[in-house]
């Protein structure tokens, strides 16, 4: 756990780095994941041909995040 209690303030925590802490590898979006988000938004009111635009937009966001996070 990367957090430990603050020594004087019980409402705060301290981030502690650990030599054993390994960052979680990047996990991209799956088509099913994009579809799930698409179905839970008001995007359903868009025309069916706009669906490809939304999927491409989701992939562009994913690529930007991947590039930023290395």
PDB file of N, CA and C in Angstrom:
ATOM      1  N   UNK A   1       0.856  -1.185   0.000  1.00  0.00           N
ATOM      2  CA  UNK A   1       0.000   0.000   0.000  1.00  0.00           C
ATOM      3  C   UNK A   1       0.889   1.231   0.000  1.00  0.00           C
ATOM      4  N   UNK A   2       0.669   2.143  -0.924  1.00  0.00           N
ATOM      5  CA  UNK A   2       1.559   3.294  -1.040  1.00  0.00           C
ATOM      6  C   UNK A   2       1.277   4.410  -0.040  1.00  0.00           C
ATOM      7  N   UNK A   3       0.301   4.229   0.846  1.00  0.00           N
ATOM      8  CA  UNK A   3      -0.003   5.276   1.816  1.00  0.00           C
ATOM      9  C   UNK A   3       0.258   4.783   3.230  1.00  0.00           C
ATOM     10  N   UNK A   4       0.681   5.706   4.076  1.00  0.00           N
ATOM     11  CA  UNK A   4       0.819   5.385   5.494  1.00  0.00           C
ATOM     12  C   UNK A   4       0.201   6.535   6.294  1.00  0.00           C
ATOM     13  N   UNK A   5      -0.225   6.270   7.505  1.00  0.00           N
ATOM     14  CA  UNK A   5      -0.860   7.334   8.301  1.00  0.00           C
ATOM     15  C   UNK A   5       0.096   8.487   8.580  1.00  0.00           C
ATOM     16  N   UNK A   6      -0.470   9.667   8.640  1.00  0.00           N
ATOM     17  CA  UNK A   6       0.307  10.857   8.995  1.00  0.00           C
ATOM     18  C   UNK A   6       0.654  10.750  10.476  1.00  0.00           C
ATOM     19  N   UNK A   7       1.875  11.098  10.882  1.00  0.00           N
ATOM     20  CA  UNK A   7       2.270  10.913  12.283  1.00  0.00           C
ATOM     21  C   UNK A   7       1.529  11.787  13.290  1.00  0.00           C
ATOM     22  N   UNK A   8       1.024  12.958  12.860  1.00  0.00           N
ATOM     23  CA  UNK A   8       0.368  13.840  13.827  1.00  0.00           C
ATOM     24  C   UNK A   8      -1.078  14.164  13.493  1.00  0.00           C
ATOM     25  N   UNK A   9      -1.500  13.957  12.277  1.00  0.00           N
ATOM     26  CA  UNK A   9      -2.854  14.301  11.871  1.00  0.00           C
ATOM     27  C   UNK A   9      -3.563  13.054  11.334  1.00  0.00           C
ATOM     28  N   UNK A  10      -4.489  12.480  12.098  1.00  0.00           N
ATOM     29  CA  UNK A  10      -5.140  11.240  11.675  1.00  0.00           C
ATOM     30  C   UNK A  10      -6.049  11.393  10.457  1.00  0.00           C
ATOM     31  N   UNK A  11      -6.349  12.638  10.060  1.00  0.00           N
ATOM     32  CA  UNK A  11      -7.195  12.833   8.882  1.00  0.00           C
ATOM     33  C   UNK A  11      -6.381  12.880   7.591  1.00  0.00           C
ATOM     34  N   UNK A  12      -5.058  12.770   7.689  1.00  0.00           N
ATOM     35  CA  UNK A  12      -4.194  12.829   6.515  1.00  0.00           C
ATOM     36  C   UNK A  12      -3.387  11.539   6.375  1.00  0.00           C
ATOM     37  N   UNK A  13      -2.912  11.333   5.171  1.00  0.00           N
ATOM     38  CA  UNK A  13      -2.021  10.199   4.912  1.00  0.00           C
ATOM     39  C   UNK A  13      -0.793  10.711   4.164  1.00  0.00           C
ATOM     40  N   UNK A  14       0.241   9.909   4.166  1.00  0.00           N
ATOM     41  CA  UNK A  14       1.483  10.242   3.475  1.00  0.00           C
ATOM     42  C   UNK A  14       1.701   9.189   2.397  1.00  0.00           C
ATOM     43  N   UNK A  15       2.044   9.663   1.218  1.00  0.00           N
ATOM     44  CA  UNK A  15       2.360   8.732   0.140  1.00  0.00           C
ATOM     45  C   UNK A  15       3.765   8.227   0.371  1.00  0.00           C
ATOM     46  N   UNK A  16       3.919   6.924   0.405  1.00  0.00           N
ATOM     47  CA  UNK A  16       5.242   6.359   0.621  1.00  0.00           C
ATOM     48  C   UNK A  16       5.629   5.525  -0.591  1.00  0.00           C
ATOM     49  N   UNK A  17       6.779   5.830  -1.114  1.00  0.00           N
ATOM     50  CA  UNK A  17       7.257   5.044  -2.235  1.00  0.00           C
ATOM     51  C   UNK A  17       7.888   3.774  -1.698  1.00  0.00           C
ATOM     52  N   UNK A  18       7.864   2.772  -2.483  1.00  0.00           N
ATOM     53  CA  UNK A  18       8.431   1.497  -2.081  1.00  0.00           C
ATOM     54  C   UNK A  18       9.225   0.928  -3.229  1.00  0.00           C
ATOM     55  N   UNK A  19      10.342   0.343  -2.914  1.00  0.00           N
ATOM     56  CA  UNK A  19      11.132  -0.281  -3.964  1.00  0.00           C
ATOM     57  C   UNK A  19      10.423  -1.509  -4.526  1.00  0.00           C
ATOM     58  N   UNK A  20       9.416  -1.995  -3.799  1.00  0.00           N
ATOM     59  CA  UNK A  20       8.693  -3.185  -4.241  1.00  0.00           C
ATOM     60  C   UNK A  20       7.426  -2.841  -5.014  1.00  0.00           C
ATOM     61  N   UNK A  21       7.071  -1.577  -5.046  1.00  0.00           N
ATOM     62  CA  UNK A  21       5.859  -1.166  -5.743  1.00  0.00           C
ATOM     63  C   UNK A  21       6.128  -1.151  -7.231  1.00  0.00           C
ATOM     64  N   UNK A  22       5.327  -1.862  -7.973  1.00  0.00           N
ATOM     65  CA  UNK A  22       5.486  -1.939  -9.424  1.00  0.00           C
ATOM     66  C   UNK A  22       4.249  -1.324 -10.055  1.00  0.00           C
ATOM     67  N   UNK A  23       4.427  -0.324 -10.921  1.00  0.00           N
ATOM     68  CA  UNK A  23       3.255   0.287 -11.545  1.00  0.00           C
ATOM     69  C   UNK A  23       2.487  -0.719 -12.395  1.00  0.00           C
ATOM     70  N   UNK A  24       1.209  -0.554 -12.434  1.00  0.00           N
ATOM     71  CA  UNK A  24       0.351  -1.423 -13.242  1.00  0.00           C
ATOM     72  C   UNK A  24       0.587  -1.107 -14.717  1.00  0.00           C
ATOM     73  N   UNK A  25       0.720  -2.119 -15.539  1.00  0.00           N
ATOM     74  CA  UNK A  25       0.941  -1.850 -16.961  1.00  0.00           C
ATOM     75  C   UNK A  25      -0.278  -1.202 -17.611  1.00  0.00           C
ATOM     76  N   UNK A  26      -0.019  -0.464 -18.672  1.00  0.00           N
ATOM     77  CA  UNK A  26      -1.086   0.221 -19.399  1.00  0.00           C
ATOM     78  C   UNK A  26      -2.087  -0.797 -19.919  1.00  0.00           C
ATOM     79  N   UNK A  27      -3.348  -0.478 -19.759  1.00  0.00           N
ATOM     80  CA  UNK A  27      -4.400  -1.306 -20.315  1.00  0.00           C
ATOM     81  C   UNK A  27      -5.268  -0.425 -21.194  1.00  0.00           C
ATOM     82  N   UNK A  28      -5.269  -0.733 -22.456  1.00  0.00           N
ATOM     83  CA  UNK A  28      -6.043   0.056 -23.402  1.00  0.00           C
ATOM     84  C   UNK A  28      -7.521  -0.285 -23.350  1.00  0.00           C
ATOM     85  N   UNK A  29      -8.278   0.485 -24.090  1.00  0.00           N
ATOM     86  CA  UNK A  29      -9.710   0.243 -24.192  1.00  0.00           C
ATOM     87  C   UNK A  29      -9.985  -0.867 -25.189  1.00  0.00           C
ATOM     88  N   UNK A  30     -10.929  -1.689 -24.867  1.00  0.00           N
ATOM     89  CA  UNK A  30     -11.381  -2.687 -25.838  1.00  0.00           C
ATOM     90  C   UNK A  30     -12.588  -2.121 -26.569  1.00  0.00           C
ATOM     91  N   UNK A  31     -12.924  -2.717 -27.697  1.00  0.00           N
ATOM     92  CA  UNK A  31     -14.117  -2.283 -28.415  1.00  0.00           C
ATOM     93  C   UNK A  31     -15.348  -2.461 -27.537  1.00  0.00           C
ATOM     94  N   UNK A  32     -15.372  -3.534 -26.747  1.00  0.00           N
ATOM     95  CA  UNK A  32     -16.512  -3.761 -25.841  1.00  0.00           C
ATOM     96  C   UNK A  32     -16.571  -2.676 -24.766  1.00  0.00           C
ATOM     97  N   UNK A  33     -15.406  -2.237 -24.295  1.00  0.00           N
ATOM     98  CA  UNK A  33     -15.372  -1.170 -23.302  1.00  0.00           C
ATOM     99  C   UNK A  33     -15.908   0.134 -23.851  1.00  0.00           C
ATOM    100  N   UNK A  34     -15.510   0.457 -25.083  1.00  0.00           N
ATOM    101  CA  UNK A  34     -16.026   1.666 -25.723  1.00  0.00           C
ATOM    102  C   UNK A  34     -17.526   1.528 -25.933  1.00  0.00           C
ATOM    103  N   UNK A  35     -17.948   0.357 -26.370  1.00  0.00           N
ATOM    104  CA  UNK A  35     -19.370   0.102 -26.599  1.00  0.00           C
ATOM    105  C   UNK A  35     -20.173   0.286 -25.308  1.00  0.00           C
ATOM    106  N   UNK A  36     -19.627  -0.186 -24.193  1.00  0.00           N
ATOM    107  CA  UNK A  36     -20.320  -0.076 -22.905  1.00  0.00           C
ATOM    108  C   UNK A  36     -20.505   1.395 -22.517  1.00  0.00           C
ATOM    109  N   UNK A  37     -19.459   2.187 -22.692  1.00  0.00           N
ATOM    110  CA  UNK A  37     -19.563   3.618 -22.384  1.00  0.00           C
ATOM    111  C   UNK A  37     -20.548   4.285 -23.332  1.00  0.00           C
ATOM    112  N   UNK A  38     -20.466   3.925 -24.592  1.00  0.00           N
ATOM    113  CA  UNK A  38     -21.359   4.478 -25.611  1.00  0.00           C
ATOM    114  C   UNK A  38     -22.814   4.220 -25.242  1.00  0.00           C
ATOM    115  N   UNK A  39     -23.099   3.013 -24.772  1.00  0.00           N
ATOM    116  CA  UNK A  39     -24.477   2.649 -24.440  1.00  0.00           C
ATOM    117  C   UNK A  39     -24.994   3.346 -23.189  1.00  0.00           C
ATOM    118  N   UNK A  40     -24.104   3.804 -22.321  1.00  0.00           N
ATOM    119  CA  UNK A  40     -24.544   4.444 -21.082  1.00  0.00           C
ATOM    120  C   UNK A  40     -24.615   5.965 -21.200  1.00  0.00           C
ATOM    121  N   UNK A  41     -24.337   6.490 -22.377  1.00  0.00           N
ATOM    122  CA  UNK A  41     -24.397   7.944 -22.567  1.00  0.00           C
ATOM    123  C   UNK A  41     -25.562   8.307 -23.461  1.00  0.00           C
ATOM    124  N   UNK A  42     -25.728   9.579 -23.677  1.00  0.00           N
ATOM    125  CA  UNK A  42     -26.766  10.051 -24.581  1.00  0.00           C
ATOM    126  C   UNK A  42     -26.334   9.938 -26.032  1.00  0.00           C
ATOM    127  N   UNK A  43     -25.189   9.302 -26.265  1.00  0.00           N
ATOM    128  CA  UNK A  43     -24.713   9.131 -27.636  1.00  0.00           C
ATOM    129  C   UNK A  43     -25.666   8.272 -28.448  1.00  0.00           C
ATOM    130  N   UNK A  44     -26.534   7.555 -27.787  1.00  0.00           N
ATOM    131  CA  UNK A  44     -27.491   6.711 -28.492  1.00  0.00           C
ATOM    132  C   UNK A  44     -28.427   7.544 -29.367  1.00  0.00           C
ATOM    133  N   UNK A  45     -28.560   8.806 -29.072  1.00  0.00           N
ATOM    134  CA  UNK A  45     -29.453   9.656 -29.853  1.00  0.00           C
ATOM    135  C   UNK A  45     -28.799  10.124 -31.150  1.00  0.00           C
ATOM    136  N   UNK A  46     -27.519   9.824 -31.327  1.00  0.00           N
ATOM    137  CA  UNK A  46     -26.827  10.211 -32.550  1.00  0.00           C
ATOM    138  C   UNK A  46     -27.208   9.278 -33.700  1.00  0.00           C
ATOM    139  N   UNK A  47     -26.931   9.723 -34.895  1.00  0.00           N
ATOM    140  CA  UNK A  47     -27.189   8.889 -36.061  1.00  0.00           C
ATOM    141  C   UNK A  47     -26.249   7.683 -36.054  1.00  0.00           C
ATOM    142  N   UNK A  48     -26.669   6.550 -36.562  1.00  0.00           N
ATOM    143  CA  UNK A  48     -25.814   5.354 -36.574  1.00  0.00           C
ATOM    144  C   UNK A  48     -24.458   5.575 -37.250  1.00  0.00           C
ATOM    145  N   UNK A  49     -24.405   6.409 -38.282  1.00  0.00           N
ATOM    146  CA  UNK A  49     -23.133   6.642 -38.962  1.00  0.00           C
ATOM    147  C   UNK A  49     -22.152   7.443 -38.102  1.00  0.00           C
ATOM    148  N   UNK A  50     -22.653   8.113 -37.068  1.00  0.00           N
ATOM    149  CA  UNK A  50     -21.766   8.847 -36.163  1.00  0.00           C
ATOM    150  C   UNK A  50     -21.050   7.917 -35.187  1.00  0.00           C
ATOM    151  N   UNK A  51     -21.487   6.693 -35.120  1.00  0.00           N
ATOM    152  CA  UNK A  51     -20.881   5.728 -34.199  1.00  0.00           C
ATOM    153  C   UNK A  51     -19.389   5.548 -34.500  1.00  0.00           C
ATOM    154  N   UNK A  52     -19.028   5.467 -35.768  1.00  0.00           N
ATOM    155  CA  UNK A  52     -17.625   5.324 -36.157  1.00  0.00           C
ATOM    156  C   UNK A  52     -16.818   6.540 -35.699  1.00  0.00           C
ATOM    157  N   UNK A  53     -17.409   7.702 -35.793  1.00  0.00           N
ATOM    158  CA  UNK A  53     -16.731   8.920 -35.338  1.00  0.00           C
ATOM    159  C   UNK A  53     -16.439   8.824 -33.845  1.00  0.00           C
ATOM    160  N   UNK A  54     -17.401   8.338 -33.085  1.00  0.00           N
ATOM    161  CA  UNK A  54     -17.221   8.210 -31.634  1.00  0.00           C
ATOM    162  C   UNK A  54     -16.132   7.191 -31.316  1.00  0.00           C
ATOM    163  N   UNK A  55     -16.130   6.063 -32.009  1.00  0.00           N
ATOM    164  CA  UNK A  55     -15.096   5.059 -31.776  1.00  0.00           C
ATOM    165  C   UNK A  55     -13.712   5.612 -32.121  1.00  0.00           C
ATOM    166  N   UNK A  56     -13.608   6.341 -33.238  1.00  0.00           N
ATOM    167  CA  UNK A  56     -12.324   6.933 -33.608  1.00  0.00           C
ATOM    168  C   UNK A  56     -11.885   7.983 -32.597  1.00  0.00           C
ATOM    169  N   UNK A  57     -12.835   8.745 -32.084  1.00  0.00           N
ATOM    170  CA  UNK A  57     -12.528   9.736 -31.056  1.00  0.00           C
ATOM    171  C   UNK A  57     -12.015   9.056 -29.790  1.00  0.00           C
ATOM    172  N   UNK A  58     -12.651   7.959 -29.392  1.00  0.00           N
ATOM    173  CA  UNK A  58     -12.208   7.214 -28.209  1.00  0.00           C
ATOM    174  C   UNK A  58     -10.789   6.679 -28.411  1.00  0.00           C
ATOM    175  N   UNK A  59     -10.498   6.177 -29.594  1.00  0.00           N
ATOM    176  CA  UNK A  59      -9.152   5.673 -29.890  1.00  0.00           C
ATOM    177  C   UNK A  59      -8.122   6.806 -29.874  1.00  0.00           C
ATOM    178  N   UNK A  60      -8.498   7.993 -30.340  1.00  0.00           N
ATOM    179  CA  UNK A  60      -7.586   9.132 -30.322  1.00  0.00           C
ATOM    180  C   UNK A  60      -7.289   9.569 -28.891  1.00  0.00           C
ATOM    181  N   UNK A  61      -8.296   9.560 -28.041  1.00  0.00           N
ATOM    182  CA  UNK A  61      -8.082   9.891 -26.625  1.00  0.00           C
ATOM    183  C   UNK A  61      -7.162   8.866 -25.987  1.00  0.00           C
ATOM    184  N   UNK A  62      -7.405   7.587 -26.275  1.00  0.00           N
ATOM    185  CA  UNK A  62      -6.564   6.528 -25.736  1.00  0.00           C
ATOM    186  C   UNK A  62      -5.108   6.706 -26.182  1.00  0.00           C
ATOM    187  N   UNK A  63      -4.885   7.023 -27.449  1.00  0.00           N
ATOM    188  CA  UNK A  63      -3.530   7.208 -27.958  1.00  0.00           C
ATOM    189  C   UNK A  63      -2.836   8.390 -27.270  1.00  0.00           C
ATOM    190  N   UNK A  64      -3.579   9.469 -27.043  1.00  0.00           N
ATOM    191  CA  UNK A  64      -3.015  10.635 -26.367  1.00  0.00           C
ATOM    192  C   UNK A  64      -2.631  10.292 -24.932  1.00  0.00           C
ATOM    193  N   UNK A  65      -3.467   9.540 -24.255  1.00  0.00           N
ATOM    194  CA  UNK A  65      -3.158   9.124 -22.877  1.00  0.00           C
ATOM    195  C   UNK A  65      -1.965   8.190 -22.841  1.00  0.00           C
ATOM    196  N   UNK A  66      -1.920   7.275 -23.794  1.00  0.00           N
ATOM    197  CA  UNK A  66      -0.788   6.329 -23.860  1.00  0.00           C
ATOM    198  C   UNK A  66       0.518   7.087 -24.074  1.00  0.00           C
ATOM    199  N   UNK A  67       0.504   8.065 -24.976  1.00  0.00           N
ATOM    200  CA  UNK A  67       1.702   8.843 -25.259  1.00  0.00           C
ATOM    201  C   UNK A  67       2.133   9.655 -24.023  1.00  0.00           C
ATOM    202  N   UNK A  68       1.163  10.225 -23.352  1.00  0.00           N
ATOM    203  CA  UNK A  68       1.473  11.050 -22.178  1.00  0.00           C
ATOM    204  C   UNK A  68       2.009  10.211 -21.022  1.00  0.00           C
ATOM    205  N   UNK A  69       1.500   8.997 -20.871  1.00  0.00           N
ATOM    206  CA  UNK A  69       1.917   8.131 -19.762  1.00  0.00           C
ATOM    207  C   UNK A  69       3.094   7.232 -20.103  1.00  0.00           C
ATOM    208  N   UNK A  70       3.630   7.380 -21.300  1.00  0.00           N
ATOM    209  CA  UNK A  70       4.813   6.618 -21.682  1.00  0.00           C
ATOM    210  C   UNK A  70       4.489   5.203 -21.957  1.00  0.00           C
TER     211      UNK A  70
END
